[in-house]
Amino acid sequence: IVWPNPAFANSITVYGPEVRSLAGRYLRQMIEELRTL
């Protein structure tokens, strides 16, 4: 997720597959932590 992005007239851009990847990675990590706390 980039802002400002010069390639898109300095608008904010979202690259879906990478966002899904980081969100999934963090949610799995968070849930595992909650299971151990």
Full PDB file with SEQRES, HELIX, SHEET, SSBOND, CRYST1, ORIGX, SCALE, CONECT and MASTER records, all heavy atoms in Angstrom:
SEQRES   1 A   37  ILE VAL TRP PRO ASN PRO ALA PHE ALA ASN SER ILE THR          
SEQRES   2 A   37  VAL TYR GLY PRO GLU VAL ARG SER LEU ALA GLY ARG TYR          
SEQRES   3 A   37  LEU ARG GLN MET ILE GLU GLU LEU ARG THR LEU                  
HELIX    1 AA1 PRO A    6  PHE A    8  5                                   3    
HELIX    2 AA2 GLY A   16  THR A   36  1                                  21    
SHEET    1 AA1 2 VAL A   2  ASN A   5  0                                        
SHEET    2 AA1 2 SER A  11  THR A  13 -1                                        
CRYST1    1.000    1.000    1.000  90.00  90.00  90.00 P 1           1          
ORIGX1      1.000000  0.000000  0.000000        0.00000                         
ORIGX2      0.000000  1.000000  0.000000        0.00000                         
ORIGX3      0.000000  0.000000  1.000000        0.00000                         
SCALE1      1.000000  0.000000  0.000000        0.00000                         
SCALE2      0.000000  1.000000  0.000000        0.00000                         
SCALE3      0.000000  0.000000  1.000000        0.00000                         
ATOM      1  N   ILE A   1       0.879  -1.170   0.000  1.00  0.00           N  
ATOM      2  CA  ILE A   1       0.000   0.000   0.000  1.00  0.00           C  
ATOM      3  C   ILE A   1       0.915   1.217   0.000  1.00  0.00           C  
ATOM      4  O   ILE A   1       1.753   1.360   0.892  1.00  0.00           O  
ATOM      5  CB  ILE A   1      -0.931   0.024   1.225  1.00  0.00           C  
ATOM      6  CG1 ILE A   1      -1.740  -1.276   1.321  1.00  0.00           C  
ATOM      7  CG2 ILE A   1      -1.876   1.218   1.153  1.00  0.00           C  
ATOM      8  CD1 ILE A   1      -2.603  -1.374   2.564  1.00  0.00           C  
ATOM      9  N   VAL A   2       0.748   2.069  -1.016  1.00  0.00           N  
ATOM     10  CA  VAL A   2       1.685   3.176  -1.206  1.00  0.00           C  
ATOM     11  C   VAL A   2       0.917   4.484  -1.379  1.00  0.00           C  
ATOM     12  O   VAL A   2      -0.041   4.555  -2.155  1.00  0.00           O  
ATOM     13  CB  VAL A   2       2.570   2.944  -2.456  1.00  0.00           C  
ATOM     14  CG1 VAL A   2       3.517   4.117  -2.665  1.00  0.00           C  
ATOM     15  CG2 VAL A   2       3.348   1.642  -2.333  1.00  0.00           C  
ATOM     16  N   TRP A   3       1.344   5.499  -0.644  1.00  0.00           N  
ATOM     17  CA  TRP A   3       0.866   6.860  -0.867  1.00  0.00           C  
ATOM     18  C   TRP A   3       1.915   7.846  -0.388  1.00  0.00           C  
ATOM     19  O   TRP A   3       2.438   7.682   0.717  1.00  0.00           O  
ATOM     20  CB  TRP A   3      -0.445   7.142  -0.113  1.00  0.00           C  
ATOM     21  CG  TRP A   3      -0.892   8.551  -0.332  1.00  0.00           C  
ATOM     22  CD1 TRP A   3      -1.398   9.088  -1.476  1.00  0.00           C  
ATOM     23  CD2 TRP A   3      -0.791   9.633   0.606  1.00  0.00           C  
ATOM     24  NE1 TRP A   3      -1.627  10.442  -1.311  1.00  0.00           N  
ATOM     25  CE2 TRP A   3      -1.263  10.797  -0.046  1.00  0.00           C  
ATOM     26  CE3 TRP A   3      -0.334   9.748   1.921  1.00  0.00           C  
ATOM     27  CZ2 TRP A   3      -1.296  12.041   0.574  1.00  0.00           C  
ATOM     28  CZ3 TRP A   3      -0.369  10.978   2.545  1.00  0.00           C  
ATOM     29  CH2 TRP A   3      -0.852  12.114   1.875  1.00  0.00           C  
ATOM     30  N   PRO A   4       2.273   8.841  -1.225  1.00  0.00           N  
ATOM     31  CA  PRO A   4       1.806   9.042  -2.602  1.00  0.00           C  
ATOM     32  C   PRO A   4       2.559   8.118  -3.556  1.00  0.00           C  
ATOM     33  O   PRO A   4       3.749   7.872  -3.370  1.00  0.00           O  
ATOM     34  CB  PRO A   4       2.140  10.513  -2.860  1.00  0.00           C  
ATOM     35  CG  PRO A   4       3.316  10.791  -1.967  1.00  0.00           C  
ATOM     36  CD  PRO A   4       3.126   9.955  -0.746  1.00  0.00           C  
ATOM     37  N   ASN A   5       1.862   7.658  -4.585  1.00  0.00           N  
ATOM     38  CA  ASN A   5       2.473   6.792  -5.586  1.00  0.00           C  
ATOM     39  C   ASN A   5       2.613   7.589  -6.887  1.00  0.00           C  
ATOM     40  O   ASN A   5       1.622   7.846  -7.568  1.00  0.00           O  
ATOM     41  CB  ASN A   5       1.599   5.554  -5.825  1.00  0.00           C  
ATOM     42  CG  ASN A   5       2.305   4.520  -6.672  1.00  0.00           C  
ATOM     43  OD1 ASN A   5       3.192   4.837  -7.457  1.00  0.00           O  
ATOM     44  ND2 ASN A   5       1.910   3.265  -6.530  1.00  0.00           N  
ATOM     45  N   PRO A   6       3.840   8.003  -7.244  1.00  0.00           N  
ATOM     46  CA  PRO A   6       4.023   8.831  -8.444  1.00  0.00           C  
ATOM     47  C   PRO A   6       3.511   8.169  -9.718  1.00  0.00           C  
ATOM     48  O   PRO A   6       3.108   8.860 -10.657  1.00  0.00           O  
ATOM     49  CB  PRO A   6       5.545   9.041  -8.501  1.00  0.00           C  
ATOM     50  CG  PRO A   6       6.025   8.796  -7.117  1.00  0.00           C  
ATOM     51  CD  PRO A   6       5.112   7.749  -6.547  1.00  0.00           C  
ATOM     52  N   ALA A   7       3.515   6.847  -9.758  1.00  0.00           N  
ATOM     53  CA  ALA A   7       3.063   6.142 -10.960  1.00  0.00           C  
ATOM     54  C   ALA A   7       1.553   6.234 -11.142  1.00  0.00           C  
ATOM     55  O   ALA A   7       1.036   5.915 -12.215  1.00  0.00           O  
ATOM     56  CB  ALA A   7       3.495   4.681 -10.901  1.00  0.00           C  
ATOM     57  N   PHE A   8       0.837   6.649 -10.102  1.00  0.00           N  
ATOM     58  CA  PHE A   8      -0.618   6.771 -10.169  1.00  0.00           C  
ATOM     59  C   PHE A   8      -1.049   8.184  -9.774  1.00  0.00           C  
ATOM     60  O   PHE A   8      -1.962   8.367  -8.968  1.00  0.00           O  
ATOM     61  CB  PHE A   8      -1.286   5.736  -9.261  1.00  0.00           C  
ATOM     62  CG  PHE A   8      -1.207   4.327  -9.771  1.00  0.00           C  
ATOM     63  CD1 PHE A   8      -0.064   3.573  -9.576  1.00  0.00           C  
ATOM     64  CD2 PHE A   8      -2.264   3.764 -10.467  1.00  0.00           C  
ATOM     65  CE1 PHE A   8       0.019   2.267 -10.055  1.00  0.00           C  
ATOM     66  CE2 PHE A   8      -2.192   2.464 -10.949  1.00  0.00           C  
ATOM     67  CZ  PHE A   8      -1.047   1.713 -10.747  1.00  0.00           C  
ATOM     68  N   ALA A   9      -0.370   9.185 -10.349  1.00  0.00           N  
ATOM     69  CA  ALA A   9      -0.694  10.591 -10.090  1.00  0.00           C  
ATOM     70  C   ALA A   9      -0.704  10.895  -8.599  1.00  0.00           C  
ATOM     71  O   ALA A   9      -1.504  11.691  -8.109  1.00  0.00           O  
ATOM     72  CB  ALA A   9      -2.028  10.965 -10.726  1.00  0.00           C  
ATOM     73  N   ASN A  10       0.192  10.251  -7.871  1.00  0.00           N  
ATOM     74  CA  ASN A  10       0.346  10.450  -6.428  1.00  0.00           C  
ATOM     75  C   ASN A  10      -0.894  10.055  -5.632  1.00  0.00           C  
ATOM     76  O   ASN A  10      -1.091  10.523  -4.500  1.00  0.00           O  
ATOM     77  CB  ASN A  10       0.755  11.894  -6.107  1.00  0.00           C  
ATOM     78  CG  ASN A  10       2.207  12.157  -6.472  1.00  0.00           C  
ATOM     79  OD1 ASN A  10       3.054  11.275  -6.339  1.00  0.00           O  
ATOM     80  ND2 ASN A  10       2.501  13.343  -6.941  1.00  0.00           N  
ATOM     81  N   SER A  11      -1.725   9.201  -6.201  1.00  0.00           N  
ATOM     82  CA  SER A  11      -2.856   8.645  -5.460  1.00  0.00           C  
ATOM     83  C   SER A  11      -2.382   7.482  -4.589  1.00  0.00           C  
ATOM     84  O   SER A  11      -1.252   6.999  -4.712  1.00  0.00           O  
ATOM     85  CB  SER A  11      -3.933   8.153  -6.432  1.00  0.00           C  
ATOM     86  OG  SER A  11      -4.458   9.224  -7.184  1.00  0.00           O  
ATOM     87  N   ILE A  12      -3.267   7.022  -3.706  1.00  0.00           N  
ATOM     88  CA  ILE A  12      -2.958   5.864  -2.875  1.00  0.00           C  
ATOM     89  C   ILE A  12      -3.292   4.599  -3.658  1.00  0.00           C  
ATOM     90  O   ILE A  12      -4.328   4.515  -4.319  1.00  0.00           O  
ATOM     91  CB  ILE A  12      -3.718   5.901  -1.540  1.00  0.00           C  
ATOM     92  CG1 ILE A  12      -3.328   4.707  -0.671  1.00  0.00           C  
ATOM     93  CG2 ILE A  12      -5.224   5.960  -1.749  1.00  0.00           C  
ATOM     94  CD1 ILE A  12      -3.847   4.800   0.741  1.00  0.00           C  
ATOM     95  N   THR A  13      -2.396   3.626  -3.622  1.00  0.00           N  
ATOM     96  CA  THR A  13      -2.590   2.386  -4.361  1.00  0.00           C  
ATOM     97  C   THR A  13      -2.520   1.193  -3.419  1.00  0.00           C  
ATOM     98  O   THR A  13      -1.780   1.204  -2.430  1.00  0.00           O  
ATOM     99  CB  THR A  13      -1.534   2.222  -5.463  1.00  0.00           C  
ATOM    100  OG1 THR A  13      -0.218   2.376  -4.895  1.00  0.00           O  
ATOM    101  CG2 THR A  13      -1.727   3.260  -6.549  1.00  0.00           C  
ATOM    102  N   VAL A  14      -3.283   0.179  -3.747  1.00  0.00           N  
ATOM    103  CA  VAL A  14      -3.366  -1.031  -2.936  1.00  0.00           C  
ATOM    104  C   VAL A  14      -3.136  -2.233  -3.849  1.00  0.00           C  
ATOM    105  O   VAL A  14      -3.817  -2.376  -4.871  1.00  0.00           O  
ATOM    106  CB  VAL A  14      -4.748  -1.165  -2.259  1.00  0.00           C  
ATOM    107  CG1 VAL A  14      -4.821  -2.446  -1.430  1.00  0.00           C  
ATOM    108  CG2 VAL A  14      -5.032   0.051  -1.392  1.00  0.00           C  
ATOM    109  N   TYR A  15      -2.190  -3.077  -3.501  1.00  0.00           N  
ATOM    110  CA  TYR A  15      -1.915  -4.295  -4.263  1.00  0.00           C  
ATOM    111  C   TYR A  15      -2.462  -5.478  -3.468  1.00  0.00           C  
ATOM    112  O   TYR A  15      -1.870  -5.937  -2.486  1.00  0.00           O  
ATOM    113  CB  TYR A  15      -0.415  -4.422  -4.529  1.00  0.00           C  
ATOM    114  CG  TYR A  15       0.129  -3.264  -5.328  1.00  0.00           C  
ATOM    115  CD1 TYR A  15       0.726  -2.176  -4.700  1.00  0.00           C  
ATOM    116  CD2 TYR A  15       0.005  -3.226  -6.715  1.00  0.00           C  
ATOM    117  CE1 TYR A  15       1.202  -1.095  -5.422  1.00  0.00           C  
ATOM    118  CE2 TYR A  15       0.480  -2.146  -7.448  1.00  0.00           C  
ATOM    119  CZ  TYR A  15       1.078  -1.090  -6.794  1.00  0.00           C  
ATOM    120  OH  TYR A  15       1.544  -0.006  -7.512  1.00  0.00           O  
ATOM    121  N   GLY A  16      -3.614  -5.944  -3.909  1.00  0.00           N  
ATOM    122  CA  GLY A  16      -4.400  -6.894  -3.134  1.00  0.00           C  
ATOM    123  C   GLY A  16      -3.705  -8.157  -2.695  1.00  0.00           C  
ATOM    124  O   GLY A  16      -3.770  -8.531  -1.509  1.00  0.00           O  
ATOM    125  N   PRO A  17      -3.035  -8.895  -3.580  1.00  0.00           N  
ATOM    126  CA  PRO A  17      -2.426 -10.168  -3.151  1.00  0.00           C  
ATOM    127  C   PRO A  17      -1.419  -9.988  -2.022  1.00  0.00           C  
ATOM    128  O   PRO A  17      -1.366 -10.809  -1.097  1.00  0.00           O  
ATOM    129  CB  PRO A  17      -1.752 -10.666  -4.437  1.00  0.00           C  
ATOM    130  CG  PRO A  17      -2.546 -10.052  -5.543  1.00  0.00           C  
ATOM    131  CD  PRO A  17      -2.938  -8.698  -5.035  1.00  0.00           C  
ATOM    132  N   GLU A  18      -0.610  -8.917  -2.086  1.00  0.00           N  
ATOM    133  CA  GLU A  18       0.383  -8.701  -1.034  1.00  0.00           C  
ATOM    134  C   GLU A  18      -0.277  -8.304   0.281  1.00  0.00           C  
ATOM    135  O   GLU A  18       0.178  -8.688   1.359  1.00  0.00           O  
ATOM    136  CB  GLU A  18       1.381  -7.619  -1.481  1.00  0.00           C  
ATOM    137  CG  GLU A  18       2.320  -8.064  -2.582  1.00  0.00           C  
ATOM    138  CD  GLU A  18       1.675  -8.019  -3.957  1.00  0.00           C  
ATOM    139  OE1 GLU A  18       0.547  -7.495  -4.062  1.00  0.00           O  
ATOM    140  OE2 GLU A  18       2.282  -8.510  -4.930  1.00  0.00           O  
ATOM    141  N   VAL A  19      -1.380  -7.521   0.192  1.00  0.00           N  
ATOM    142  CA  VAL A  19      -2.105  -7.156   1.412  1.00  0.00           C  
ATOM    143  C   VAL A  19      -2.701  -8.404   2.055  1.00  0.00           C  
ATOM    144  O   VAL A  19      -2.629  -8.580   3.279  1.00  0.00           O  
ATOM    145  CB  VAL A  19      -3.204  -6.126   1.098  1.00  0.00           C  
ATOM    146  CG1 VAL A  19      -4.076  -5.880   2.328  1.00  0.00           C  
ATOM    147  CG2 VAL A  19      -2.593  -4.816   0.619  1.00  0.00           C  
ATOM    148  N   ARG A  20      -3.297  -9.266   1.249  1.00  0.00           N  
ATOM    149  CA  ARG A  20      -3.832 -10.518   1.801  1.00  0.00           C  
ATOM    150  C   ARG A  20      -2.731 -11.347   2.447  1.00  0.00           C  
ATOM    151  O   ARG A  20      -2.928 -11.972   3.497  1.00  0.00           O  
ATOM    152  CB  ARG A  20      -4.528 -11.320   0.700  1.00  0.00           C  
ATOM    153  CG  ARG A  20      -5.888 -10.790   0.312  1.00  0.00           C  
ATOM    154  CD  ARG A  20      -6.633 -11.751  -0.587  1.00  0.00           C  
ATOM    155  NE  ARG A  20      -6.016 -11.861  -1.890  1.00  0.00           N  
ATOM    156  CZ  ARG A  20      -6.282 -11.060  -2.916  1.00  0.00           C  
ATOM    157  NH1 ARG A  20      -7.153 -10.074  -2.764  1.00  0.00           N  
ATOM    158  NH2 ARG A  20      -5.691 -11.225  -4.088  1.00  0.00           N  
ATOM    159  N   SER A  21      -1.561 -11.341   1.837  1.00  0.00           N  
ATOM    160  CA  SER A  21      -0.449 -12.124   2.377  1.00  0.00           C  
ATOM    161  C   SER A  21      -0.029 -11.615   3.748  1.00  0.00           C  
ATOM    162  O   SER A  21       0.119 -12.393   4.697  1.00  0.00           O  
ATOM    163  CB  SER A  21       0.733 -12.071   1.401  1.00  0.00           C  
ATOM    164  OG  SER A  21       1.855 -12.741   1.923  1.00  0.00           O  
ATOM    165  N   LEU A  22       0.157 -10.298   3.873  1.00  0.00           N  
ATOM    166  CA  LEU A  22       0.607  -9.779   5.170  1.00  0.00           C  
ATOM    167  C   LEU A  22      -0.489  -9.890   6.221  1.00  0.00           C  
ATOM    168  O   LEU A  22      -0.205 -10.193   7.395  1.00  0.00           O  
ATOM    169  CB  LEU A  22       1.097  -8.332   5.034  1.00  0.00           C  
ATOM    170  CG  LEU A  22       0.099  -7.194   4.876  1.00  0.00           C  
ATOM    171  CD1 LEU A  22      -0.321  -6.635   6.242  1.00  0.00           C  
ATOM    172  CD2 LEU A  22       0.697  -6.066   4.057  1.00  0.00           C  
ATOM    173  N   ALA A  23      -1.756  -9.675   5.826  1.00  0.00           N  
ATOM    174  CA  ALA A  23      -2.846  -9.787   6.797  1.00  0.00           C  
ATOM    175  C   ALA A  23      -2.969 -11.221   7.295  1.00  0.00           C  
ATOM    176  O   ALA A  23      -3.149 -11.461   8.501  1.00  0.00           O  
ATOM    177  CB  ALA A  23      -4.159  -9.328   6.165  1.00  0.00           C  
ATOM    178  N   GLY A  24      -2.873 -12.178   6.382  1.00  0.00           N  
ATOM    179  CA  GLY A  24      -2.947 -13.580   6.796  1.00  0.00           C  
ATOM    180  C   GLY A  24      -1.794 -13.976   7.689  1.00  0.00           C  
ATOM    181  O   GLY A  24      -1.972 -14.687   8.688  1.00  0.00           O  
ATOM    182  N   ARG A  25      -0.602 -13.504   7.353  1.00  0.00           N  
ATOM    183  CA  ARG A  25       0.584 -13.817   8.166  1.00  0.00           C  
ATOM    184  C   ARG A  25       0.424 -13.289   9.582  1.00  0.00           C  
ATOM    185  O   ARG A  25       0.699 -14.001  10.571  1.00  0.00           O  
ATOM    186  CB  ARG A  25       1.819 -13.217   7.489  1.00  0.00           C  
ATOM    187  CG  ARG A  25       3.100 -13.281   8.313  1.00  0.00           C  
ATOM    188  CD  ARG A  25       4.313 -12.945   7.468  1.00  0.00           C  
ATOM    189  NE  ARG A  25       4.320 -11.578   6.972  1.00  0.00           N  
ATOM    190  CZ  ARG A  25       4.856 -10.544   7.616  1.00  0.00           C  
ATOM    191  NH1 ARG A  25       5.400 -10.737   8.820  1.00  0.00           N  
ATOM    192  NH2 ARG A  25       4.847  -9.329   7.083  1.00  0.00           N  
ATOM    193  N   TYR A  26      -0.003 -12.043   9.707  1.00  0.00           N  
ATOM    194  CA  TYR A  26      -0.128 -11.463  11.035  1.00  0.00           C  
ATOM    195  C   TYR A  26      -1.277 -12.078  11.828  1.00  0.00           C  
ATOM    196  O   TYR A  26      -1.144 -12.314  13.039  1.00  0.00           O  
ATOM    197  CB  TYR A  26      -0.337  -9.951  10.927  1.00  0.00           C  
ATOM    198  CG  TYR A  26       0.943  -9.185  10.708  1.00  0.00           C  
ATOM    199  CD1 TYR A  26       0.975  -8.086   9.862  1.00  0.00           C  
ATOM    200  CD2 TYR A  26       2.120  -9.543  11.356  1.00  0.00           C  
ATOM    201  CE1 TYR A  26       2.142  -7.359   9.670  1.00  0.00           C  
ATOM    202  CE2 TYR A  26       3.290  -8.834  11.165  1.00  0.00           C  
ATOM    203  CZ  TYR A  26       3.302  -7.739  10.325  1.00  0.00           C  
ATOM    204  OH  TYR A  26       4.456  -7.032  10.139  1.00  0.00           O  
ATOM    205  N   LEU A  27      -2.405 -12.344  11.192  1.00  0.00           N  
ATOM    206  CA  LEU A  27      -3.518 -12.940  11.933  1.00  0.00           C  
ATOM    207  C   LEU A  27      -3.147 -14.310  12.477  1.00  0.00           C  
ATOM    208  O   LEU A  27      -3.478 -14.650  13.625  1.00  0.00           O  
ATOM    209  CB  LEU A  27      -4.755 -13.035  11.037  1.00  0.00           C  
ATOM    210  CG  LEU A  27      -5.587 -11.754  10.910  1.00  0.00           C  
ATOM    211  CD1 LEU A  27      -6.653 -11.909   9.843  1.00  0.00           C  
ATOM    212  CD2 LEU A  27      -6.235 -11.398  12.250  1.00  0.00           C  
ATOM    213  N   ARG A  28      -2.459 -15.102  11.680  1.00  0.00           N  
ATOM    214  CA  ARG A  28      -2.025 -16.423  12.182  1.00  0.00           C  
ATOM    215  C   ARG A  28      -1.085 -16.260  13.364  1.00  0.00           C  
ATOM    216  O   ARG A  28      -1.204 -16.984  14.371  1.00  0.00           O  
ATOM    217  CB  ARG A  28      -1.348 -17.211  11.061  1.00  0.00           C  
ATOM    218  CG  ARG A  28      -2.299 -17.692   9.968  1.00  0.00           C  
ATOM    219  CD  ARG A  28      -1.608 -18.649   9.018  1.00  0.00           C  
ATOM    220  NE  ARG A  28      -0.514 -18.010   8.288  1.00  0.00           N  
ATOM    221  CZ  ARG A  28      -0.656 -17.359   7.134  1.00  0.00           C  
ATOM    222  NH1 ARG A  28      -1.858 -17.246   6.585  1.00  0.00           N  
ATOM    223  NH2 ARG A  28       0.393 -16.823   6.529  1.00  0.00           N  
ATOM    224  N   GLN A  29      -0.155 -15.317  13.263  1.00  0.00           N  
ATOM    225  CA  GLN A  29       0.787 -15.097  14.355  1.00  0.00           C  
ATOM    226  C   GLN A  29       0.068 -14.614  15.613  1.00  0.00           C  
ATOM    227  O   GLN A  29       0.362 -15.073  16.729  1.00  0.00           O  
ATOM    228  CB  GLN A  29       1.843 -14.084  13.921  1.00  0.00           C  
ATOM    229  CG  GLN A  29       2.932 -13.825  14.962  1.00  0.00           C  
ATOM    230  CD  GLN A  29       4.019 -12.897  14.427  1.00  0.00           C  
ATOM    231  OE1 GLN A  29       4.007 -12.512  13.256  1.00  0.00           O  
ATOM    232  NE2 GLN A  29       4.951 -12.530  15.283  1.00  0.00           N  
ATOM    233  N   MET A  30      -0.880 -13.716  15.452  1.00  0.00           N  
ATOM    234  CA  MET A  30      -1.616 -13.198  16.607  1.00  0.00           C  
ATOM    235  C   MET A  30      -2.409 -14.288  17.310  1.00  0.00           C  
ATOM    236  O   MET A  30      -2.393 -14.392  18.556  1.00  0.00           O  
ATOM    237  CB  MET A  30      -2.561 -12.084  16.153  1.00  0.00           C  
ATOM    238  CG  MET A  30      -1.880 -10.836  15.640  1.00  0.00           C  
ATOM    239  SD  MET A  30      -3.107  -9.670  14.950  1.00  0.00           S  
ATOM    240  CE  MET A  30      -2.048  -8.434  14.213  1.00  0.00           C  
ATOM    241  N   ILE A  31      -3.108 -15.102  16.526  1.00  0.00           N  
ATOM    242  CA  ILE A  31      -3.929 -16.158  17.132  1.00  0.00           C  
ATOM    243  C   ILE A  31      -3.051 -17.157  17.876  1.00  0.00           C  
ATOM    244  O   ILE A  31      -3.404 -17.618  18.984  1.00  0.00           O  
ATOM    245  CB  ILE A  31      -4.774 -16.870  16.056  1.00  0.00           C  
ATOM    246  CG1 ILE A  31      -5.721 -15.876  15.384  1.00  0.00           C  
ATOM    247  CG2 ILE A  31      -5.560 -18.015  16.669  1.00  0.00           C  
ATOM    248  CD1 ILE A  31      -6.577 -15.089  16.324  1.00  0.00           C  
ATOM    249  N   GLU A  32      -1.905 -17.495  17.307  1.00  0.00           N  
ATOM    250  CA  GLU A  32      -0.996 -18.412  18.004  1.00  0.00           C  
ATOM    251  C   GLU A  32      -0.514 -17.811  19.316  1.00  0.00           C  
ATOM    252  O   GLU A  32      -0.382 -18.509  20.327  1.00  0.00           O  
ATOM    253  CB  GLU A  32       0.191 -18.759  17.094  1.00  0.00           C  
ATOM    254  CG  GLU A  32      -0.154 -19.706  15.957  1.00  0.00           C  
ATOM    255  CD  GLU A  32      -0.805 -20.983  16.459  1.00  0.00           C  
ATOM    256  OE1 GLU A  32      -0.268 -21.596  17.416  1.00  0.00           O  
ATOM    257  OE2 GLU A  32      -1.866 -21.359  15.923  1.00  0.00           O  
ATOM    258  N   GLU A  33      -0.239 -16.508  19.306  1.00  0.00           N  
ATOM    259  CA  GLU A  33       0.189 -15.872  20.553  1.00  0.00           C  
ATOM    260  C   GLU A  33      -0.920 -15.920  21.594  1.00  0.00           C  
ATOM    261  O   GLU A  33      -0.664 -16.206  22.779  1.00  0.00           O  
ATOM    262  CB  GLU A  33       0.602 -14.420  20.286  1.00  0.00           C  
ATOM    263  CG  GLU A  33       1.935 -14.278  19.590  1.00  0.00           C  
ATOM    264  CD  GLU A  33       2.370 -12.833  19.472  1.00  0.00           C  
ATOM    265  OE1 GLU A  33       1.780 -11.960  20.149  1.00  0.00           O  
ATOM    266  OE2 GLU A  33       3.300 -12.570  18.686  1.00  0.00           O  
ATOM    267  N   LEU A  34      -2.174 -15.615  21.177  1.00  0.00           N  
ATOM    268  CA  LEU A  34      -3.282 -15.629  22.129  1.00  0.00           C  
ATOM    269  C   LEU A  34      -3.492 -17.015  22.719  1.00  0.00           C  
ATOM    270  O   LEU A  34      -3.943 -17.150  23.867  1.00  0.00           O  
ATOM    271  CB  LEU A  34      -4.564 -15.146  21.456  1.00  0.00           C  
ATOM    272  CG  LEU A  34      -4.607 -13.687  20.976  1.00  0.00           C  
ATOM    273  CD1 LEU A  34      -6.007 -13.337  20.483  1.00  0.00           C  
ATOM    274  CD2 LEU A  34      -4.194 -12.731  22.082  1.00  0.00           C  
ATOM    275  N   ARG A  35      -3.165 -18.042  21.940  1.00  0.00           N  
ATOM    276  CA  ARG A  35      -3.314 -19.412  22.458  1.00  0.00           C  
ATOM    277  C   ARG A  35      -2.278 -19.743  23.524  1.00  0.00           C  
ATOM    278  O   ARG A  35      -2.491 -20.629  24.345  1.00  0.00           O  
ATOM    279  CB  ARG A  35      -3.198 -20.423  21.310  1.00  0.00           C  
ATOM    280  CG  ARG A  35      -4.398 -20.457  20.379  1.00  0.00           C  
ATOM    281  CD  ARG A  35      -4.368 -21.704  19.508  1.00  0.00           C  
ATOM    282  NE  ARG A  35      -5.561 -21.805  18.679  1.00  0.00           N  
ATOM    283  CZ  ARG A  35      -5.603 -21.557  17.365  1.00  0.00           C  
ATOM    284  NH1 ARG A  35      -4.486 -21.214  16.730  1.00  0.00           N  
ATOM    285  NH2 ARG A  35      -6.719 -21.657  16.685  1.00  0.00           N  
ATOM    286  N   THR A  36      -1.150 -19.026  23.489  1.00  0.00           N  
ATOM    287  CA  THR A  36      -0.090 -19.318  24.466  1.00  0.00           C  
ATOM    288  C   THR A  36      -0.141 -18.400  25.684  1.00  0.00           C  
ATOM    289  O   THR A  36       0.516 -18.685  26.687  1.00  0.00           O  
ATOM    290  CB  THR A  36       1.292 -19.178  23.806  1.00  0.00           C  
ATOM    291  OG1 THR A  36       1.491 -17.819  23.394  1.00  0.00           O  
ATOM    292  CG2 THR A  36       1.403 -20.093  22.587  1.00  0.00           C  
ATOM    293  N   LEU A  37      -0.907 -17.300  25.587  1.00  0.00           N  
ATOM    294  CA  LEU A  37      -0.965 -16.352  26.696  1.00  0.00           C  
ATOM    295  C   LEU A  37      -2.070 -16.735  27.675  1.00  0.00           C  
ATOM    296  O   LEU A  37      -3.112 -17.263  27.275  1.00  0.00           O  
ATOM    297  CB  LEU A  37      -1.222 -14.935  26.167  1.00  0.00           C  
ATOM    298  CG  LEU A  37      -0.079 -14.298  25.375  1.00  0.00           C  
ATOM    299  CD1 LEU A  37      -0.542 -13.005  24.721  1.00  0.00           C  
ATOM    300  CD2 LEU A  37       1.121 -14.029  26.284  1.00  0.00           C  
TER     301      LEU A  37                                                      
MASTER        0    0    0    2    2    0    0    6  300    1    0    3          
END                                                                             
